[in-house]
Amino acid sequence: MVACVRILLWTSLAAGAAAAKSGGGAQAQVDGPSGASRWEEGSSWNADGSIDDSNQAGPINGIVACGNSANTQAQVLPTGVYVPSDFTIAVPSNTCINPGSGSVVNPSGPTAGEPVIWFNFDVRAGAHWWDTQINGGGQDTIAWALYYSTTPTRGTTTMPTTGSELSGDASDLTFFITQTEIWY
């Protein structure tokens, strides 16, 4: 089974900087999870639903590969702004971990109009774990929430509003975990 994942990132402290950086980009900005950008690294889907792990995989990548890899993607820009009527983010209390200290923190959720990043990728069976590193720099407190689609797909679909290729069903997401990355 493949898990089709959407991750939402936000930071109140860097909202001005994020908004300033969101100007250019090939993807049209659409608020909510259907406006996600797709991870550009990793393995890719073949037309028959199998997975291509070769170094020449693509052009639509975004599957966490089995085994060790150090695939990265830098300069991921906001995909839109937070609109609670499109998708409500309710950060459960006492469930968010600061990975730097291991302590439980209770960040506020994003506020209406705040720039956010929706990011889509797939984690497949056999990938026992995967890692993500989110660097905001400065004095930012970045919070993120991970959702998975309960309607996984074996491939991607072109989103009519953005032209992006995304996996899973953006209208069928289930909350999994939230964390923060705090920079001092």
Protein backbone atom coordinates (compact mmCIF):
# COMPACT_ATOMS: atom_id res chain seq x y z
CA MET A 1 0.00 0.00 0.00
CA VAL A 2 1.24 3.47 -0.86
CA ALA A 3 0.49 6.42 1.41
CA CYS A 4 -0.32 9.57 -0.54
CA VAL A 5 0.73 12.40 1.74
CA ARG A 6 0.07 16.13 1.96
CA ILE A 7 2.08 18.18 4.37
CA LEU A 8 1.10 21.72 5.34
CA LEU A 9 3.73 24.17 6.58
CA TRP A 10 3.13 27.59 8.09
CA THR A 11 4.91 30.19 10.16
CA SER A 12 3.35 33.31 11.60
CA LEU A 13 6.71 34.91 12.30
CA ALA A 14 7.90 34.67 8.70
CA ALA A 15 4.61 35.43 6.97
CA GLY A 16 5.92 38.69 5.53
CA ALA A 17 9.09 37.08 4.23
CA ALA A 18 7.20 34.12 2.79
CA ALA A 19 4.72 36.38 1.03
CA ALA A 20 7.56 38.38 -0.48
CA LYS A 21 9.22 35.19 -1.82
CA SER A 22 6.03 33.75 -3.30
CA GLY A 23 6.01 35.95 -6.40
CA GLY A 24 7.55 33.77 -9.13
CA GLY A 25 6.89 30.16 -9.85
CA ALA A 26 5.44 28.02 -12.57
CA GLN A 27 2.47 26.77 -10.58
CA ALA A 28 -0.70 28.83 -10.23
CA GLN A 29 -1.45 29.56 -6.60
CA VAL A 30 -4.54 27.79 -5.31
CA ASP A 31 -5.52 27.79 -1.67
CA GLY A 32 -6.07 24.45 0.08
CA PRO A 33 -4.63 20.96 -0.42
CA SER A 34 -5.63 20.68 -4.09
CA GLY A 35 -3.13 23.49 -4.77
CA ALA A 36 -0.17 21.50 -3.39
CA SER A 37 3.18 21.37 -5.12
CA ARG A 38 4.66 17.92 -5.81
CA TRP A 39 8.03 16.81 -4.45
CA GLU A 40 10.43 16.85 -7.43
CA GLU A 41 12.84 14.13 -6.28
CA GLY A 42 12.64 10.41 -5.54
CA SER A 43 11.09 7.66 -7.61
CA SER A 44 8.26 8.05 -10.12
CA TRP A 45 5.06 6.31 -11.16
CA ASN A 46 4.94 4.32 -14.39
CA ALA A 47 1.73 4.40 -16.47
CA ASP A 48 0.81 0.88 -15.26
CA GLY A 49 0.99 1.89 -11.56
CA SER A 50 4.39 0.33 -10.93
CA ILE A 51 7.29 2.41 -9.58
CA ASP A 52 10.44 3.47 -11.41
CA ASP A 53 13.41 3.62 -9.03
CA SER A 54 16.04 4.30 -11.70
CA ASN A 55 18.28 7.36 -11.68
CA GLN A 56 16.46 8.50 -14.81
CA ALA A 57 13.03 8.25 -13.16
CA GLY A 58 10.55 10.94 -13.99
CA PRO A 59 9.47 13.38 -15.13
CA ILE A 60 6.84 13.16 -12.37
CA ASN A 61 8.73 12.10 -9.28
CA GLY A 62 7.71 12.37 -5.65
CA ILE A 63 7.83 8.83 -4.26
CA VAL A 64 10.05 8.20 -1.25
CA ALA A 65 12.43 5.48 -2.42
CA CYS A 66 13.27 2.37 -0.44
CA GLY A 67 16.81 2.37 0.91
CA ASN A 68 19.16 5.22 1.65
CA SER A 69 18.96 8.41 -0.35
CA ALA A 70 19.66 12.05 0.26
CA ASN A 71 17.19 13.66 -2.11
CA THR A 72 16.49 17.28 -1.32
CA GLN A 73 14.39 20.09 -2.70
CA ALA A 74 15.18 23.69 -1.87
CA GLN A 75 13.29 26.93 -2.27
CA VAL A 76 9.78 25.52 -1.95
CA LEU A 77 7.53 28.56 -2.17
CA PRO A 78 4.08 29.15 -0.65
CA THR A 79 1.32 27.52 -2.69
CA GLY A 80 -1.39 29.88 -1.47
CA VAL A 81 -2.80 31.37 1.69
CA TYR A 82 -4.68 29.70 4.50
CA VAL A 83 -8.44 29.78 3.95
CA PRO A 84 -10.24 27.98 6.80
CA SER A 85 -13.33 27.37 4.65
CA ASP A 86 -11.15 25.41 2.14
CA PHE A 87 -9.51 23.21 4.78
CA THR A 88 -9.67 23.61 8.55
CA ILE A 89 -6.43 23.06 10.42
CA ALA A 90 -7.07 22.16 14.04
CA VAL A 91 -3.77 21.49 15.80
CA PRO A 92 -4.54 19.06 18.65
CA SER A 93 -3.08 20.14 21.98
CA ASN A 94 -0.22 18.17 23.56
CA THR A 95 0.53 16.26 20.33
CA CYS A 96 3.12 18.51 18.73
CA ILE A 97 6.79 17.76 19.39
CA ASN A 98 9.71 20.17 19.14
CA PRO A 99 12.35 17.86 17.58
CA GLY A 100 15.18 20.03 18.94
CA SER A 101 14.22 19.48 22.57
CA GLY A 102 11.78 16.55 22.41
CA SER A 103 9.32 18.57 24.48
CA VAL A 104 5.61 18.91 23.77
CA VAL A 105 4.66 22.33 22.39
CA ASN A 106 1.30 23.79 21.46
CA PRO A 107 1.70 26.03 18.40
CA SER A 108 -1.17 28.05 17.10
CA GLY A 109 -2.59 26.95 13.78
CA PRO A 110 -2.25 29.17 10.74
CA THR A 111 -4.35 32.32 10.60
CA ALA A 112 -6.67 33.21 7.73
CA GLY A 113 -4.71 34.83 4.89
CA GLU A 114 -1.32 33.57 6.10
CA PRO A 115 0.96 32.14 3.35
CA VAL A 116 1.18 28.35 3.55
CA ILE A 117 2.88 25.56 1.65
CA TRP A 118 0.96 22.42 0.71
CA PHE A 119 3.43 19.74 -0.37
CA ASN A 120 2.50 16.35 -1.89
CA PHE A 121 4.59 13.16 -1.98
CA ASP A 122 4.13 9.40 -1.67
CA VAL A 123 5.54 7.01 0.92
CA ARG A 124 5.36 3.44 -0.29
CA ALA A 125 5.18 0.12 1.44
CA GLY A 126 8.68 -1.06 2.25
CA ALA A 127 9.92 2.44 3.06
CA HIS A 128 10.03 1.78 6.79
CA TRP A 129 10.76 5.42 7.57
CA TRP A 130 11.46 8.68 5.87
CA ASP A 131 12.92 11.91 7.07
CA THR A 132 12.20 15.53 6.33
CA GLN A 133 14.20 18.58 7.26
CA ILE A 134 12.50 21.95 7.18
CA ASN A 135 14.79 24.95 7.42
CA GLY A 136 13.24 28.38 7.74
CA GLY A 137 16.26 30.21 9.05
CA GLY A 138 16.20 33.35 11.14
CA GLN A 139 14.01 33.43 14.22
CA ASP A 140 11.14 31.57 12.57
CA THR A 141 8.96 29.03 14.30
CA ILE A 142 7.74 26.71 11.58
CA ALA A 143 4.88 24.37 12.36
CA TRP A 144 3.75 21.58 10.09
CA ALA A 145 0.95 19.07 9.98
CA LEU A 146 1.02 15.81 8.07
CA TYR A 147 -2.11 14.40 6.45
CA TYR A 148 -2.57 11.26 4.40
CA SER A 149 -5.20 10.42 1.84
CA THR A 150 -7.47 7.53 2.81
CA THR A 151 -7.98 7.11 -0.94
CA PRO A 152 -4.43 6.33 -2.10
CA THR A 153 -3.62 6.19 -5.80
CA ARG A 154 -1.04 4.34 -7.86
CA GLY A 155 -0.07 7.36 -9.89
CA THR A 156 -0.85 11.04 -10.14
CA THR A 157 -3.68 13.10 -11.58
CA THR A 158 -3.40 16.48 -13.28
CA MET A 159 -5.11 19.11 -11.15
CA PRO A 160 -7.30 21.25 -13.43
CA THR A 161 -6.71 24.45 -11.44
CA THR A 162 -2.90 24.30 -11.29
CA GLY A 163 -1.75 21.81 -13.93
CA SER A 164 0.26 20.04 -11.21
CA GLU A 165 0.44 16.26 -10.96
CA LEU A 166 -0.69 15.17 -7.48
CA SER A 167 -1.43 11.84 -5.82
CA GLY A 168 -4.24 10.87 -3.48
CA ASP A 169 -7.56 12.62 -2.99
CA ALA A 170 -7.26 16.15 -1.58
CA SER A 171 -10.86 15.99 -0.34
CA ASP A 172 -10.19 12.84 1.70
CA LEU A 173 -7.32 13.71 4.05
CA THR A 174 -6.80 12.37 7.58
CA PHE A 175 -4.62 14.09 10.19
CA PHE A 176 -1.54 12.09 11.23
CA ILE A 177 0.98 14.22 13.14
CA THR A 178 2.16 17.77 13.73
CA GLN A 179 5.58 19.10 14.73
CA THR A 180 7.53 22.32 14.87
CA GLU A 181 11.02 23.30 13.94
CA ILE A 182 12.22 26.12 16.17
CA TRP A 183 15.33 28.08 15.25
CA TYR A 184 17.17 30.02 17.96
